[in-house]
Amino acid sequence: MTIRLVLAGCGNMGYAMLSGWLKSGKLEPSAVFVVEPNAELRKRAEHLGCSAAADASAIPADAVPDLVVIAVKPQVIRDVLAAYKCFADGRTTFLSIAAGTPVATFEEILGELAPIIRCMPNTPAAIGKGMMVVFSNPLVLDDVRRFVAELLSASGVVTTIDDEGLMDAVTAVSGSGPAYIFHFIEALTVAAEKAGLPAETAKLLAMQTVYGAASLAAESDEEPGVLRQQVTSPNGTTAAALAVLMGEDRLTKLLTDAVEAARLRSIELGK
């Protein structure tokens, strides 16, 4: 068995990324070994065609994977990492998608030879629409950086930062951001129902409007502010609604407070 990638943790985020990698053809299921103690989550990986086990001791002794992807909760990362120290001789790169866990934590546990990449993805990676931001320690080789970037690109857009201190802000914006959008859809649906629309119609209008507007913003050469102005006729219906959302910078302030709360929590998790 040739194992290119070991995935430690197949929860929502790990499974989302694994699904994207396999669907894109960037990895064959036979090249992936999943370690997941939860039996139901482990079955999901097996249904994708991957080998899976409850703990790392089941990984073949002669395996030297290109990547060990750590996709577990930050609270248990120290206990989990200890089982993978056998791969920390410099030949295997560690890719972490654990929120709030700095590279220094991996270096402390795995030793000074381990190449480490820290990545903050989000759940739209499951359908190839994710946002992945990466930071690497100096031991990561250029060809490995390219391989990881290509792998991650199967799940969406990839960008790099050189200052790891910015990763908490990344977590607060794109990592947690999908939940903000989902809640916006929920809130717009409720508003539509209160305006008299049937429940299913309200849901459809809210969801498709958010999807269409985001797609237009992504594909347009215009800035979002310009697109907003193009929709807003003077003294029209949109202007009346925006007076509520934008008056005293209500929505901007609310989102700023939300992002800051998430950023501070990310810092706390890192400690």
Protein backbone atom coordinates (compact mmCIF):
# COMPACT_ATOMS: atom_id res chain seq x y z
CA MET A 1 0.00 0.00 0.00
CA THR A 2 1.35 3.42 -0.99
CA ILE A 3 0.02 6.05 1.38
CA ARG A 4 0.47 9.63 0.23
CA LEU A 5 -1.76 11.20 2.85
CA VAL A 6 -2.84 10.37 6.38
CA LEU A 7 -5.93 12.23 7.58
CA ALA A 8 -6.21 12.44 11.35
CA GLY A 9 -9.84 13.29 12.01
CA CYS A 10 -12.82 12.89 9.69
CA GLY A 11 -15.28 15.29 11.26
CA ASN A 12 -17.15 17.92 9.25
CA MET A 13 -14.09 19.85 8.08
CA GLY A 14 -11.85 16.85 7.50
CA TYR A 15 -14.57 15.04 5.59
CA ALA A 16 -15.37 18.15 3.53
CA MET A 17 -11.78 18.52 2.39
CA LEU A 18 -11.30 14.79 1.81
CA SER A 19 -14.43 14.72 -0.35
CA GLY A 20 -13.14 17.61 -2.43
CA TRP A 21 -9.73 16.02 -2.95
CA LEU A 22 -11.19 12.71 -4.07
CA LYS A 23 -13.87 14.21 -6.32
CA SER A 24 -11.26 16.32 -8.10
CA GLY A 25 -9.05 13.31 -8.80
CA LYS A 26 -6.08 14.94 -7.04
CA LEU A 27 -5.88 11.87 -4.79
CA GLU A 28 -6.96 8.28 -5.21
CA PRO A 29 -8.86 6.76 -2.26
CA SER A 30 -6.23 4.00 -2.06
CA ALA A 31 -3.56 6.62 -1.31
CA VAL A 32 -5.38 7.95 1.76
CA PHE A 33 -5.45 6.47 5.26
CA VAL A 34 -7.97 7.98 7.67
CA VAL A 35 -7.65 7.80 11.46
CA GLU A 36 -10.96 8.51 13.19
CA PRO A 37 -12.02 7.05 16.56
CA ASN A 38 -15.73 7.72 15.98
CA ALA A 39 -17.19 4.69 14.18
CA GLU A 40 -19.89 6.60 12.30
CA LEU A 41 -17.45 9.21 11.03
CA ARG A 42 -15.00 6.48 10.10
CA LYS A 43 -17.65 4.80 7.95
CA ARG A 44 -17.97 7.98 5.89
CA ALA A 45 -14.32 7.73 4.92
CA GLU A 46 -14.68 4.06 4.13
CA HIS A 47 -17.67 4.79 1.90
CA LEU A 48 -15.38 7.07 -0.10
CA GLY A 49 -13.06 4.10 -0.63
CA CYS A 50 -10.35 5.06 1.87
CA SER A 51 -8.72 2.78 4.40
CA ALA A 52 -9.63 3.84 7.92
CA ALA A 53 -8.89 2.88 11.50
CA ALA A 54 -9.72 4.01 15.01
CA ASP A 55 -6.15 4.96 15.95
CA ALA A 56 -2.79 5.72 14.39
CA SER A 57 -1.24 2.40 15.41
CA ALA A 58 -3.06 0.79 12.47
CA ILE A 59 -1.08 2.80 9.90
CA PRO A 60 1.29 0.40 8.09
CA ALA A 61 4.70 0.43 9.73
CA ASP A 62 6.53 1.08 6.45
CA ALA A 63 4.34 4.04 5.46
CA VAL A 64 6.13 7.34 4.81
CA PRO A 65 3.28 9.64 3.74
CA ASP A 66 3.89 12.91 1.93
CA LEU A 67 1.38 14.58 4.22
CA VAL A 68 -0.19 14.04 7.62
CA VAL A 69 -3.27 16.24 7.79
CA ILE A 70 -4.35 17.11 11.32
CA ALA A 71 -8.08 17.81 11.34
CA VAL A 72 -9.05 17.46 14.99
CA LYS A 73 -10.36 19.92 17.55
CA PRO A 74 -7.68 22.23 19.01
CA GLN A 75 -8.50 21.04 22.53
CA VAL A 76 -7.19 17.51 21.81
CA ILE A 77 -4.40 18.32 19.39
CA ARG A 78 -1.52 17.73 21.82
CA ASP A 79 -2.73 14.23 22.64
CA VAL A 80 -3.35 13.41 18.98
CA LEU A 81 -0.01 14.70 17.69
CA ALA A 82 2.00 12.42 19.93
CA ALA A 83 0.84 9.42 17.88
CA TYR A 84 2.35 10.89 14.71
CA LYS A 85 5.77 11.85 16.01
CA CYS A 86 7.16 8.78 14.23
CA PHE A 87 6.69 10.69 10.95
CA ALA A 88 8.49 13.82 12.17
CA ASP A 89 11.91 13.03 10.70
CA GLY A 90 11.69 15.62 7.94
CA ARG A 91 10.36 13.39 5.16
CA THR A 92 6.69 13.98 5.94
CA THR A 93 5.03 17.39 5.98
CA PHE A 94 2.32 18.11 8.54
CA LEU A 95 -0.70 20.10 7.38
CA SER A 96 -2.89 21.44 10.18
CA ILE A 97 -6.43 22.71 9.79
CA ALA A 98 -6.98 23.11 13.54
CA ALA A 99 -8.32 26.56 14.39
CA GLY A 100 -6.18 28.69 16.69
CA THR A 101 -3.28 26.24 16.94
CA PRO A 102 0.04 27.92 16.05
CA VAL A 103 2.92 26.29 14.21
CA ALA A 104 4.99 26.61 17.39
CA THR A 105 2.72 24.05 19.09
CA PHE A 106 3.50 21.51 16.36
CA GLU A 107 7.22 22.27 16.53
CA GLU A 108 7.19 21.82 20.29
CA ILE A 109 5.55 18.39 20.08
CA LEU A 110 7.01 17.04 16.82
CA GLY A 111 10.52 18.42 17.10
CA GLU A 112 12.75 20.69 15.05
CA LEU A 113 12.81 18.58 11.86
CA ALA A 114 9.11 18.65 11.02
CA PRO A 115 7.94 20.73 8.02
CA ILE A 116 4.63 22.26 9.04
CA ILE A 117 1.89 24.04 7.10
CA ARG A 118 -0.97 25.69 8.91
CA CYS A 119 -4.19 26.05 6.90
CA MET A 120 -7.49 27.73 7.66
CA PRO A 121 -10.16 26.29 5.34
CA ASN A 122 -13.93 26.57 5.45
CA THR A 123 -16.80 24.15 4.86
CA PRO A 124 -17.60 25.17 1.24
CA ALA A 125 -14.46 23.15 0.46
CA ALA A 126 -16.83 20.18 0.26
CA ILE A 127 -18.21 21.51 -3.05
CA GLY A 128 -14.99 23.05 -4.37
CA LYS A 129 -15.96 26.57 -3.27
CA GLY A 130 -13.80 26.86 -0.18
CA MET A 131 -11.34 29.51 0.94
CA MET A 132 -7.99 28.19 2.15
CA VAL A 133 -5.30 30.40 3.70
CA VAL A 134 -1.90 28.85 4.45
CA PHE A 135 1.22 29.69 6.45
CA SER A 136 4.35 27.51 6.37
CA ASN A 137 7.41 27.16 8.55
CA PRO A 138 10.83 27.45 6.82
CA LEU A 139 11.30 23.67 6.58
CA VAL A 140 8.56 23.19 3.98
CA LEU A 141 10.14 22.56 0.58
CA ASP A 142 8.99 24.46 -2.49
CA ASP A 143 7.78 21.34 -4.28
CA VAL A 144 5.75 20.38 -1.22
CA ARG A 145 4.25 23.88 -1.09
CA ARG A 146 3.19 23.46 -4.71
CA PHE A 147 1.77 20.00 -4.08
CA VAL A 148 -0.23 21.22 -1.09
CA ALA A 149 -1.45 24.29 -2.98
CA GLU A 150 -2.56 22.10 -5.88
CA LEU A 151 -4.27 19.71 -3.48
CA LEU A 152 -6.05 22.49 -1.64
CA SER A 153 -7.06 24.21 -4.88
CA ALA A 154 -9.32 21.25 -5.60
CA SER A 155 -11.41 22.53 -2.70
CA GLY A 156 -11.50 26.20 -3.69
CA VAL A 157 -9.30 29.29 -3.66
CA VAL A 158 -5.88 29.20 -1.96
CA THR A 159 -3.87 32.15 -0.73
CA THR A 160 -0.76 32.51 1.44
CA ILE A 161 0.17 34.78 4.33
CA ASP A 162 3.70 35.39 5.62
CA ASP A 163 2.66 36.62 9.08
CA GLU A 164 1.15 33.83 11.16
CA GLY A 165 -0.28 36.42 13.53
CA LEU A 166 -2.91 37.19 10.91
CA MET A 167 -4.31 33.66 11.05
CA ASP A 168 -6.69 34.53 13.90
CA ALA A 169 -8.25 37.21 11.70
CA VAL A 170 -8.42 34.74 8.81
CA THR A 171 -10.23 32.30 11.08
CA ALA A 172 -12.71 34.97 12.11
CA VAL A 173 -13.48 36.06 8.54
CA SER A 174 -13.36 33.07 6.19
CA GLY A 175 -13.16 30.17 8.63
CA SER A 176 -16.25 31.17 10.62
CA GLY A 177 -17.73 33.30 7.81
CA PRO A 178 -19.94 30.64 6.20
CA ALA A 179 -21.93 30.45 9.45
CA TYR A 180 -22.56 34.20 9.24
CA ILE A 181 -23.90 33.80 5.70
CA PHE A 182 -26.06 30.81 6.66
CA HIS A 183 -27.55 32.84 9.48
CA PHE A 184 -28.15 35.74 7.10
CA ILE A 185 -30.12 33.36 4.86
CA GLU A 186 -32.10 32.21 7.90
CA ALA A 187 -32.83 35.79 8.92
CA LEU A 188 -33.80 36.86 5.40
CA THR A 189 -36.11 33.84 5.17
CA VAL A 190 -37.85 34.84 8.40
CA ALA A 191 -38.20 38.41 7.14
CA ALA A 192 -39.67 37.14 3.88
CA GLU A 193 -42.22 35.02 5.74
CA LYS A 194 -43.21 37.97 7.92
CA ALA A 195 -43.72 39.95 4.72
CA GLY A 196 -46.35 37.40 3.71
CA LEU A 197 -44.50 34.89 1.52
CA PRO A 198 -45.08 31.13 1.92
CA ALA A 199 -42.29 29.37 3.81
CA GLU A 200 -40.85 27.45 0.84
CA THR A 201 -40.95 30.50 -1.41
CA ALA A 202 -39.34 32.62 1.30
CA LYS A 203 -36.50 30.10 1.68
CA LEU A 204 -35.96 29.86 -2.07
CA LEU A 205 -35.87 33.63 -2.55
CA ALA A 206 -33.46 34.17 0.35
CA MET A 207 -31.05 31.40 -0.60
CA GLN A 208 -30.97 32.09 -4.36
CA THR A 209 -30.62 35.83 -3.83
CA VAL A 210 -27.56 35.36 -1.60
CA TYR A 211 -26.08 32.82 -4.01
CA GLY A 212 -26.71 34.96 -7.07
CA ALA A 213 -25.41 38.16 -5.49
CA ALA A 214 -22.23 36.45 -4.25
CA SER A 215 -21.66 34.88 -7.68
CA LEU A 216 -22.14 38.24 -9.39
CA ALA A 217 -19.73 39.94 -6.98
CA ALA A 218 -17.13 37.19 -7.59
CA GLU A 219 -17.42 37.37 -11.39
CA SER A 220 -17.81 41.13 -11.83
CA ASP A 221 -14.98 43.59 -12.36
CA GLU A 222 -16.88 46.08 -10.20
CA GLU A 223 -16.38 46.50 -6.47
CA PRO A 224 -19.25 45.32 -4.24
CA GLY A 225 -20.00 48.91 -3.31
CA VAL A 226 -20.48 49.82 -6.97
CA LEU A 227 -22.75 46.81 -7.51
CA ARG A 228 -24.79 47.90 -4.49
CA GLN A 229 -25.17 51.38 -5.94
CA GLN A 230 -26.28 49.95 -9.28
CA VAL A 231 -29.18 48.17 -7.57
CA THR A 232 -30.17 51.20 -5.49
CA SER A 233 -32.48 53.70 -7.18
CA PRO A 234 -32.81 57.05 -5.39
CA ASN A 235 -35.75 56.97 -2.97
CA GLY A 236 -36.60 53.43 -4.12
CA THR A 237 -37.32 50.23 -2.23
CA THR A 238 -33.67 49.18 -1.97
CA ALA A 239 -32.72 52.61 -0.65
CA ALA A 240 -35.38 52.30 2.04
CA ALA A 241 -34.00 48.93 3.15
CA LEU A 242 -30.37 50.08 3.07
CA ALA A 243 -31.26 53.06 5.24
CA VAL A 244 -32.05 50.50 7.94
CA LEU A 245 -28.99 48.29 7.35
CA MET A 246 -26.48 51.08 6.74
CA GLY A 247 -27.83 53.79 9.04
CA GLU A 248 -25.17 54.55 11.66
CA ASP A 249 -23.11 51.77 10.01
CA ARG A 250 -25.34 49.23 11.80
CA LEU A 251 -24.46 46.15 9.75
CA THR A 252 -20.77 47.06 9.43
CA LYS A 253 -20.46 47.57 13.17
CA LEU A 254 -22.32 44.34 13.91
CA LEU A 255 -20.08 42.31 11.61
CA THR A 256 -16.97 44.05 12.93
CA ASP A 257 -17.95 43.08 16.48
CA ALA A 258 -18.71 39.52 15.37
CA VAL A 259 -15.37 39.09 13.60
CA GLU A 260 -13.51 40.54 16.57
CA ALA A 261 -15.26 38.13 18.95
CA ALA A 262 -14.26 35.21 16.73
CA ARG A 263 -10.68 36.50 16.43
CA LEU A 264 -10.29 36.80 20.19
CA ARG A 265 -11.70 33.31 20.67
CA SER A 266 -9.21 31.99 18.13
CA ILE A 267 -6.41 33.55 20.18
CA GLU A 268 -7.79 31.93 23.34
CA LEU A 269 -7.89 28.52 21.65
CA GLY A 270 -4.27 28.98 20.62
CA LYS A 271 -3.26 29.26 24.26
